[in-house]
Amino acid sequence: MPDVRLADGTRLFEQMRGTHATEFVMREGTRILIRPDGYIASIGMQPVTAFAGEPTHPVDASGTDFEPS
């Protein structure tokens, strides 16, 4: 998953630091679940609350380069 600047000014890689999976939530509802090692675990519409026994960290992806303006 590439690094992008988020709407709150932080970078995606900053939000991904740690042992948790990160859920990249797009404006239209698509959710990209990123494993702690940076690989994509799943892409879907349903929220994922935990991965490998740890709570996921949701990140608002609206306003990123992946979103149309």
PDB file of N, CA and C in Angstrom:
ATOM      1  N   MET A   1       0.858  -1.168   0.000  1.00  0.00           N
ATOM      2  CA  MET A   1       0.000   0.000   0.000  1.00  0.00           C
ATOM      3  C   MET A   1       0.903   1.229   0.000  1.00  0.00           C
ATOM      4  N   PRO A   2       0.693   2.168  -0.892  1.00  0.00           N
ATOM      5  CA  PRO A   2       1.536   3.365  -0.920  1.00  0.00           C
ATOM      6  C   PRO A   2       1.184   4.338   0.198  1.00  0.00           C
ATOM      7  N   ASP A   3       2.125   5.144   0.570  1.00  0.00           N
ATOM      8  CA  ASP A   3       1.912   6.173   1.583  1.00  0.00           C
ATOM      9  C   ASP A   3       1.177   7.357   0.939  1.00  0.00           C
ATOM     10  N   VAL A   4       0.219   7.933   1.654  1.00  0.00           N
ATOM     11  CA  VAL A   4      -0.492   9.130   1.191  1.00  0.00           C
ATOM     12  C   VAL A   4      -0.697  10.067   2.377  1.00  0.00           C
ATOM     13  N   ARG A   5      -0.858  11.347   2.075  1.00  0.00           N
ATOM     14  CA  ARG A   5      -1.214  12.311   3.115  1.00  0.00           C
ATOM     15  C   ARG A   5      -2.722  12.244   3.313  1.00  0.00           C
ATOM     16  N   LEU A   6      -3.138  12.156   4.575  1.00  0.00           N
ATOM     17  CA  LEU A   6      -4.557  12.062   4.911  1.00  0.00           C
ATOM     18  C   LEU A   6      -5.138  13.450   5.144  1.00  0.00           C
ATOM     19  N   ALA A   7      -6.460  13.536   5.187  1.00  0.00           N
ATOM     20  CA  ALA A   7      -7.146  14.819   5.355  1.00  0.00           C
ATOM     21  C   ALA A   7      -6.747  15.527   6.647  1.00  0.00           C
ATOM     22  N   ASP A   8      -6.401  14.769   7.683  1.00  0.00           N
ATOM     23  CA  ASP A   8      -6.013  15.394   8.957  1.00  0.00           C
ATOM     24  C   ASP A   8      -4.557  15.847   8.984  1.00  0.00           C
ATOM     25  N   GLY A   9      -3.841  15.661   7.852  1.00  0.00           N
ATOM     26  CA  GLY A   9      -2.449  16.106   7.762  1.00  0.00           C
ATOM     27  C   GLY A   9      -1.418  15.042   8.079  1.00  0.00           C
ATOM     28  N   THR A  10      -1.840  13.925   8.676  1.00  0.00           N
ATOM     29  CA  THR A  10      -0.891  12.843   8.959  1.00  0.00           C
ATOM     30  C   THR A  10      -0.690  12.017   7.694  1.00  0.00           C
ATOM     31  N   ARG A  11       0.264  11.112   7.742  1.00  0.00           N
ATOM     32  CA  ARG A  11       0.522  10.230   6.610  1.00  0.00           C
ATOM     33  C   ARG A  11      -0.003   8.837   6.956  1.00  0.00           C
ATOM     34  N   LEU A  12      -0.401   8.099   5.937  1.00  0.00           N
ATOM     35  CA  LEU A  12      -0.931   6.752   6.152  1.00  0.00           C
ATOM     36  C   LEU A  12       0.082   5.891   6.891  1.00  0.00           C
ATOM     37  N   PHE A  13       1.361   5.955   6.501  1.00  0.00           N
ATOM     38  CA  PHE A  13       2.368   5.121   7.166  1.00  0.00           C
ATOM     39  C   PHE A  13       2.486   5.451   8.652  1.00  0.00           C
ATOM     40  N   GLU A  14       2.261   6.692   9.045  1.00  0.00           N
ATOM     41  CA  GLU A  14       2.262   7.046  10.471  1.00  0.00           C
ATOM     42  C   GLU A  14       1.120   6.334  11.187  1.00  0.00           C
ATOM     43  N   GLN A  15      -0.051   6.299  10.549  1.00  0.00           N
ATOM     44  CA  GLN A  15      -1.229   5.650  11.146  1.00  0.00           C
ATOM     45  C   GLN A  15      -1.078   4.130  11.207  1.00  0.00           C
ATOM     46  N   MET A  16      -0.260   3.577  10.327  1.00  0.00           N
ATOM     47  CA  MET A  16      -0.083   2.122  10.271  1.00  0.00           C
ATOM     48  C   MET A  16       0.921   1.599  11.292  1.00  0.00           C
ATOM     49  N   ARG A  17       1.700   2.472  11.906  1.00  0.00           N
ATOM     50  CA  ARG A  17       2.732   1.998  12.850  1.00  0.00           C
ATOM     51  C   ARG A  17       2.097   1.254  14.018  1.00  0.00           C
ATOM     52  N   GLY A  18       2.663   0.131  14.335  1.00  0.00           N
ATOM     53  CA  GLY A  18       2.182  -0.659  15.466  1.00  0.00           C
ATOM     54  C   GLY A  18       1.863  -2.078  15.042  1.00  0.00           C
ATOM     55  N   THR A  19       1.281  -2.821  15.948  1.00  0.00           N
ATOM     56  CA  THR A  19       0.977  -4.225  15.697  1.00  0.00           C
ATOM     57  C   THR A  19      -0.455  -4.439  15.222  1.00  0.00           C
ATOM     58  N   HIS A  20      -1.202  -3.375  15.015  1.00  0.00           N
ATOM     59  CA  HIS A  20      -2.595  -3.458  14.589  1.00  0.00           C
ATOM     60  C   HIS A  20      -2.710  -3.427  13.059  1.00  0.00           C
ATOM     61  N   ALA A  21      -3.816  -3.949  12.548  1.00  0.00           N
ATOM     62  CA  ALA A  21      -4.153  -3.775  11.134  1.00  0.00           C
ATOM     63  C   ALA A  21      -4.835  -2.416  10.992  1.00  0.00           C
ATOM     64  N   THR A  22      -4.735  -1.838   9.809  1.00  0.00           N
ATOM     65  CA  THR A  22      -5.319  -0.524   9.548  1.00  0.00           C
ATOM     66  C   THR A  22      -6.416  -0.680   8.513  1.00  0.00           C
ATOM     67  N   GLU A  23      -7.567  -0.079   8.789  1.00  0.00           N
ATOM     68  CA  GLU A  23      -8.683  -0.124   7.851  1.00  0.00           C
ATOM     69  C   GLU A  23      -8.795   1.238   7.172  1.00  0.00           C
ATOM     70  N   PHE A  24      -8.469   1.279   5.896  1.00  0.00           N
ATOM     71  CA  PHE A  24      -8.461   2.490   5.071  1.00  0.00           C
ATOM     72  C   PHE A  24      -9.880   2.637   4.519  1.00  0.00           C
ATOM     73  N   VAL A  25     -10.654   3.577   5.050  1.00  0.00           N
ATOM     74  CA  VAL A  25     -12.084   3.696   4.736  1.00  0.00           C
ATOM     75  C   VAL A  25     -12.301   4.814   3.722  1.00  0.00           C
ATOM     76  N   MET A  26     -12.757   4.429   2.530  1.00  0.00           N
ATOM     77  CA  MET A  26     -13.004   5.376   1.451  1.00  0.00           C
ATOM     78  C   MET A  26     -14.375   6.040   1.638  1.00  0.00           C
ATOM     79  N   ARG A  27     -14.558   7.180   1.009  1.00  0.00           N
ATOM     80  CA  ARG A  27     -15.800   7.955   1.139  1.00  0.00           C
ATOM     81  C   ARG A  27     -17.034   7.137   0.738  1.00  0.00           C
ATOM     82  N   GLU A  28     -16.942   6.358  -0.341  1.00  0.00           N
ATOM     83  CA  GLU A  28     -18.117   5.619  -0.808  1.00  0.00           C
ATOM     84  C   GLU A  28     -18.364   4.334  -0.017  1.00  0.00           C
ATOM     85  N   GLY A  29     -17.502   4.037   0.961  1.00  0.00           N
ATOM     86  CA  GLY A  29     -17.723   2.896   1.840  1.00  0.00           C
ATOM     87  C   GLY A  29     -16.790   1.719   1.629  1.00  0.00           C
ATOM     88  N   THR A  30     -15.996   1.742   0.583  1.00  0.00           N
ATOM     89  CA  THR A  30     -15.022   0.660   0.383  1.00  0.00           C
ATOM     90  C   THR A  30     -13.994   0.701   1.508  1.00  0.00           C
ATOM     91  N   ARG A  31     -13.646  -0.467   2.015  1.00  0.00           N
ATOM     92  CA  ARG A  31     -12.692  -0.579   3.126  1.00  0.00           C
ATOM     93  C   ARG A  31     -11.534  -1.467   2.699  1.00  0.00           C
ATOM     94  N   ILE A  32     -10.334  -0.934   2.805  1.00  0.00           N
ATOM     95  CA  ILE A  32      -9.128  -1.698   2.487  1.00  0.00           C
ATOM     96  C   ILE A  32      -8.451  -2.032   3.807  1.00  0.00           C
ATOM     97  N   LEU A  33      -8.382  -3.315   4.119  1.00  0.00           N
ATOM     98  CA  LEU A  33      -7.747  -3.754   5.359  1.00  0.00           C
ATOM     99  C   LEU A  33      -6.279  -4.023   5.080  1.00  0.00           C
ATOM    100  N   ILE A  34      -5.406  -3.282   5.766  1.00  0.00           N
ATOM    101  CA  ILE A  34      -3.962  -3.390   5.575  1.00  0.00           C
ATOM    102  C   ILE A  34      -3.365  -4.099   6.790  1.00  0.00           C
ATOM    103  N   ARG A  35      -2.685  -5.191   6.528  1.00  0.00           N
ATOM    104  CA  ARG A  35      -2.047  -5.945   7.604  1.00  0.00           C
ATOM    105  C   ARG A  35      -0.935  -5.115   8.245  1.00  0.00           C
ATOM    106  N   PRO A  36      -0.492  -5.478   9.443  1.00  0.00           N
ATOM    107  CA  PRO A  36       0.605  -4.752  10.094  1.00  0.00           C
ATOM    108  C   PRO A  36       1.897  -4.713   9.277  1.00  0.00           C
ATOM    109  N   ASP A  37       2.108  -5.689   8.378  1.00  0.00           N
ATOM    110  CA  ASP A  37       3.322  -5.697   7.560  1.00  0.00           C
ATOM    111  C   ASP A  37       3.162  -4.899   6.263  1.00  0.00           C
ATOM    112  N   GLY A  38       1.997  -4.257   6.070  1.00  0.00           N
ATOM    113  CA  GLY A  38       1.783  -3.389   4.920  1.00  0.00           C
ATOM    114  C   GLY A  38       1.088  -4.040   3.737  1.00  0.00           C
ATOM    115  N   TYR A  39       0.909  -5.347   3.778  1.00  0.00           N
ATOM    116  CA  TYR A  39       0.205  -6.021   2.686  1.00  0.00           C
ATOM    117  C   TYR A  39      -1.306  -5.864   2.860  1.00  0.00           C
ATOM    118  N   ILE A  40      -2.044  -5.901   1.767  1.00  0.00           N
ATOM    119  CA  ILE A  40      -3.500  -5.791   1.826  1.00  0.00           C
ATOM    120  C   ILE A  40      -4.089  -7.140   2.196  1.00  0.00           C
ATOM    121  N   ALA A  41      -4.908  -7.150   3.243  1.00  0.00           N
ATOM    122  CA  ALA A  41      -5.542  -8.386   3.706  1.00  0.00           C
ATOM    123  C   ALA A  41      -6.888  -8.594   3.021  1.00  0.00           C
ATOM    124  N   SER A  42      -7.649  -7.510   2.817  1.00  0.00           N
ATOM    125  CA  SER A  42      -8.944  -7.642   2.158  1.00  0.00           C
ATOM    126  C   SER A  42      -9.425  -6.285   1.667  1.00  0.00           C
ATOM    127  N   ILE A  43     -10.350  -6.342   0.711  1.00  0.00           N
ATOM    128  CA  ILE A  43     -11.028  -5.155   0.208  1.00  0.00           C
ATOM    129  C   ILE A  43     -12.510  -5.498   0.191  1.00  0.00           C
ATOM    130  N   GLY A  44     -13.317  -4.672   0.827  1.00  0.00           N
ATOM    131  CA  GLY A  44     -14.748  -4.953   0.871  1.00  0.00           C
ATOM    132  C   GLY A  44     -15.524  -3.775   1.412  1.00  0.00           C
ATOM    133  N   MET A  45     -16.778  -4.025   1.727  1.00  0.00           N
ATOM    134  CA  MET A  45     -17.660  -2.972   2.230  1.00  0.00           C
ATOM    135  C   MET A  45     -17.963  -3.137   3.731  1.00  0.00           C
ATOM    136  N   GLN A  46     -17.763  -4.336   4.250  1.00  0.00           N
ATOM    137  CA  GLN A  46     -18.083  -4.602   5.659  1.00  0.00           C
ATOM    138  C   GLN A  46     -16.933  -4.183   6.565  1.00  0.00           C
ATOM    139  N   PRO A  47     -17.234  -3.514   7.674  1.00  0.00           N
ATOM    140  CA  PRO A  47     -16.167  -3.155   8.622  1.00  0.00           C
ATOM    141  C   PRO A  47     -15.512  -4.402   9.217  1.00  0.00           C
ATOM    142  N   VAL A  48     -14.220  -4.307   9.455  1.00  0.00           N
ATOM    143  CA  VAL A  48     -13.475  -5.371  10.124  1.00  0.00           C
ATOM    144  C   VAL A  48     -13.017  -4.785  11.461  1.00  0.00           C
ATOM    145  N   THR A  49     -13.492  -5.360  12.554  1.00  0.00           N
ATOM    146  CA  THR A  49     -13.195  -4.790  13.868  1.00  0.00           C
ATOM    147  C   THR A  49     -11.906  -5.326  14.484  1.00  0.00           C
ATOM    148  N   ALA A  50     -11.474  -6.517  14.044  1.00  0.00           N
ATOM    149  CA  ALA A  50     -10.248  -7.094  14.603  1.00  0.00           C
ATOM    150  C   ALA A  50      -9.545  -7.919  13.541  1.00  0.00           C
ATOM    151  N   PHE A  51      -8.223  -7.997  13.686  1.00  0.00           N
ATOM    152  CA  PHE A  51      -7.397  -8.805  12.786  1.00  0.00           C
ATOM    153  C   PHE A  51      -6.295  -9.425  13.623  1.00  0.00           C
ATOM    154  N   ALA A  52      -6.144 -10.734  13.538  1.00  0.00           N
ATOM    155  CA  ALA A  52      -5.132 -11.480  14.294  1.00  0.00           C
ATOM    156  C   ALA A  52      -5.206 -11.183  15.791  1.00  0.00           C
ATOM    157  N   GLY A  53      -6.432 -11.053  16.295  1.00  0.00           N
ATOM    158  CA  GLY A  53      -6.631 -10.871  17.727  1.00  0.00           C
ATOM    159  C   GLY A  53      -6.481  -9.451  18.248  1.00  0.00           C
ATOM    160  N   GLU A  54      -6.226  -8.493  17.381  1.00  0.00           N
ATOM    161  CA  GLU A  54      -6.088  -7.093  17.811  1.00  0.00           C
ATOM    162  C   GLU A  54      -7.130  -6.230  17.107  1.00  0.00           C
ATOM    163  N   PRO A  55      -7.619  -5.191  17.782  1.00  0.00           N
ATOM    164  CA  PRO A  55      -8.567  -4.286  17.125  1.00  0.00           C
ATOM    165  C   PRO A  55      -7.913  -3.578  15.940  1.00  0.00           C
ATOM    166  N   THR A  56      -8.692  -3.354  14.894  1.00  0.00           N
ATOM    167  CA  THR A  56      -8.175  -2.619  13.741  1.00  0.00           C
ATOM    168  C   THR A  56      -8.196  -1.125  14.038  1.00  0.00           C
ATOM    169  N   HIS A  57      -7.376  -0.395  13.309  1.00  0.00           N
ATOM    170  CA  HIS A  57      -7.291   1.063  13.449  1.00  0.00           C
ATOM    171  C   HIS A  57      -7.901   1.677  12.186  1.00  0.00           C
ATOM    172  N   PRO A  58      -9.136   2.248  12.280  1.00  0.00           N
ATOM    173  CA  PRO A  58      -9.740   2.837  11.089  1.00  0.00           C
ATOM    174  C   PRO A  58      -9.114   4.184  10.747  1.00  0.00           C
ATOM    175  N   VAL A  59      -8.942   4.440   9.448  1.00  0.00           N
ATOM    176  CA  VAL A  59      -8.372   5.687   8.957  1.00  0.00           C
ATOM    177  C   VAL A  59      -9.308   6.242   7.885  1.00  0.00           C
ATOM    178  N   ASP A  60      -9.686   7.509   8.003  1.00  0.00           N
ATOM    179  CA  ASP A  60     -10.547   8.170   7.030  1.00  0.00           C
ATOM    180  C   ASP A  60      -9.737   8.494   5.781  1.00  0.00           C
ATOM    181  N   ALA A  61     -10.097   7.876   4.658  1.00  0.00           N
ATOM    182  CA  ALA A  61      -9.347   8.077   3.416  1.00  0.00           C
ATOM    183  C   ALA A  61      -9.951   9.147   2.519  1.00  0.00           C
ATOM    184  N   SER A  62     -11.069   9.744   2.920  1.00  0.00           N
ATOM    185  CA  SER A  62     -11.655  10.789   2.073  1.00  0.00           C
ATOM    186  C   SER A  62     -10.688  11.964   2.008  1.00  0.00           C
ATOM    187  N   GLY A  63     -10.557  12.524   0.841  1.00  0.00           N
ATOM    188  CA  GLY A  63      -9.636  13.640   0.661  1.00  0.00           C
ATOM    189  C   GLY A  63      -8.225  13.225   0.298  1.00  0.00           C
ATOM    190  N   THR A  64      -7.967  11.937   0.117  1.00  0.00           N
ATOM    191  CA  THR A  64      -6.629  11.481  -0.293  1.00  0.00           C
ATOM    192  C   THR A  64      -6.545  11.440  -1.809  1.00  0.00           C
ATOM    193  N   ASP A  65      -5.369  11.153  -2.318  1.00  0.00           N
ATOM    194  CA  ASP A  65      -5.173  11.033  -3.759  1.00  0.00           C
ATOM    195  C   ASP A  65      -5.989   9.899  -4.364  1.00  0.00           C
ATOM    196  N   PHE A  66      -6.435   8.956  -3.538  1.00  0.00           N
ATOM    197  CA  PHE A  66      -7.223   7.839  -4.025  1.00  0.00           C
ATOM    198  C   PHE A  66      -8.672   8.224  -4.231  1.00  0.00           C
ATOM    199  N   GLU A  67      -9.081   9.370  -3.696  1.00  0.00           N
ATOM    200  CA  GLU A  67     -10.469   9.818  -3.765  1.00  0.00           C
ATOM    201  C   GLU A  67     -10.628  10.906  -4.811  1.00  0.00           C
ATOM    202  N   PRO A  68     -11.646  10.830  -5.666  1.00  0.00           N
ATOM    203  CA  PRO A  68     -11.885  11.934  -6.585  1.00  0.00           C
ATOM    204  C   PRO A  68     -12.332  13.183  -5.830  1.00  0.00           C
ATOM    205  N   SER A  69     -11.936  14.356  -6.301  1.00  0.00           N
ATOM    206  CA  SER A  69     -12.323  15.573  -5.585  1.00  0.00           C
ATOM    207  C   SER A  69     -13.566  16.198  -6.178  1.00  0.00           C
TER     208      SER A  69
END
